[in-house]
Amino acid sequence: MAEAMKPIVCESPYLEMAGPILVLAGPGTGKTYQLARRIQALVDSQGVAPDEITVITFTREAALGMRGKLNAQGRPEYVEPDKQPRNIMTMHALGHRIIEENARVIGLNQDVSVVSDKVLKGALMRDAALLVGLTESDAKRALRDKETANRSACDESRRVHEQYAKLLRACNAIDFDDQIEIACQILEGQPGVLEQYRAMTRHLLVDEYQDINADQHRLIRLLSAGNESGLFAVGDDDQSIYGFRGGDPSYIRDFRSDYLGAQILQLQVSRRCLKNILDCALTVVTQYDSSRVPKVAPVYTEPEPGLVKVWDCPSDSREAELIAKAIYAKSAKGEAVDFFVLVPSRNYVKTITRALTAKGIVHDVGTSSESSPEWDALTTLKQWLEQPSNLSTRHVIELIVAAGTTSMPRPGVRRADKQAARQDYAREIAELWTPVLAGTETLVSNLEREAGSSTKIKEIWELSDAMRTAHQTDDTPAFLSSVRGALQTFPTIESFYKCLEMLEATPGRLGATK
């Protein structure tokens, strides 16, 4: 495989018209530029109609960035607005469009909701597990299998997934990660729809090919069949980082076997990355990834002296201390004034910020109220108060029980009696779905009705009803009190008003403040 995938160095692959083409684009080599110039070459030099071009990116930010490059007048990649393809979107956005336009084929109405929130997904998965006689542990495993697109999931996970899908269908909803799989099912079962989308993807440009998963690979194969000469993919298996979500670099490594006669080209010149940093990273990748595609060594326009230092730290707190110490030392010597600390997730942020504060180092964590638990809680409440759908109702229920304001034991309890009590409580919540699945009642109406016979459900109803009543009467102090009492959020009144002001500035008001 390695020798078969050996690339040819080419600094202008966008000009090559004999596809399928895979461009191996290392860090800083300008893959977005190549995609933009490819579009330009197709519409200007080849006379391709913009509506026959579809560009698939991995994130919305990348799609916006691509559009920005095409709109940049005076830049080499500028494309006149009337020649730009309309279809520059993420894979999930494309899947969602296919579903929206063909919702009735799969038994849904238009305006399909997409469930992406982790809290809500976890709650629905737990409900599904309990409704089929399984446990919360089975639900957690099923959720992991779904997030990683595990094709060899156990029978228990498959049972949970089937029930989870039924819950979503009852809400006219789909899971965010199912959009592509469902879109593939529609295309495979509806030849006319498939031909319609193949007409839009005669020239299919795919970004970040190294991070696609099985369903995304399936969608690309479906759309490019018969149009293989128009397939132009860019990526780098050394930069594959989405394995935890099912991304698999084997698809980029199998490109030539998937598409016979494919050209494998490599961008060699890195114009943005510093040589010492990238060489260090490539040393690690080369040593530990024996399956990587062999590539010609990169050429750098930004040579940088010095070595990369590696600290082996026994704990997160020790790591944070070393980071703060290094920044303080360089600042004191006047060697640098700006520093950037990159972390794998925000779970690391608090420990590092405490260490920086202890050293008197002014810092910005780069987040806003819009990424805080308080903001998430208030936006969920906003949706529920304005339109108490089945999904928003279930989300609010989960926020209440997760806050510990009911008698439901917390997750992870060790005592057997507490575990049993948690299971019983969770089962009563799950059973609220029974009339919803039968199509006879909404979740919020069943919640109110069951509160009359179940002490557990009554706890949830009273807390949620207090928030709703205070909101309906425009009594902000009472609303604040009920929200803090039910959800244990907003440590201060100021934090509540800050989130409330930001939320009222968004489309759709939460309610008047006094």
Foldseek 3Di string as FASTA:
>chain_A
DQVVQEAAADLQCLLDLQDPAEEEEDAQLCPLLNVLVNLVCCCPVVVDALLQEAEAEADPVSLVVSVVQCCDPPDPSHDPPNRHRPHRYHLLVVLVVLCQVVVVVVPFHHPAAEDEDPLLQLLLLQLLLVVVPHHSVLSVLLVQCQQLVPPPDDPSSVSSVVSSVLLSRLQSYDYSSCSLVVSLVCCVVPVVSLVVLLSSPLAYEYEALQFDADSSVSSVCSSCVVSRSRHYYYHFVLPHDSSSRRRHNVCVVCVCVSPPPHHYYYRAEREPDEPQVVVVSVVVCVVPPVSGRDYDHHDYPHYDDDHDDDDDDPDLLRVLLVVLVVVLVCVVVVVDDDDDDDDPDCVSVVSNVVNNVVSVHDDDPPDDLCPDPLLVLVVLVLCCLVPVALSSVSSLLSLQVQQVLAPQDHPPDDDPVSSVSNRVLSNVLSCLCVVSSVVNDTSLVSLVVCLVPDVSSVSSNVLSVQLNVCQVVQPVVSNVVSCCSRRVDDPDPVSVVVSQVVQCVDPHHSHDHD
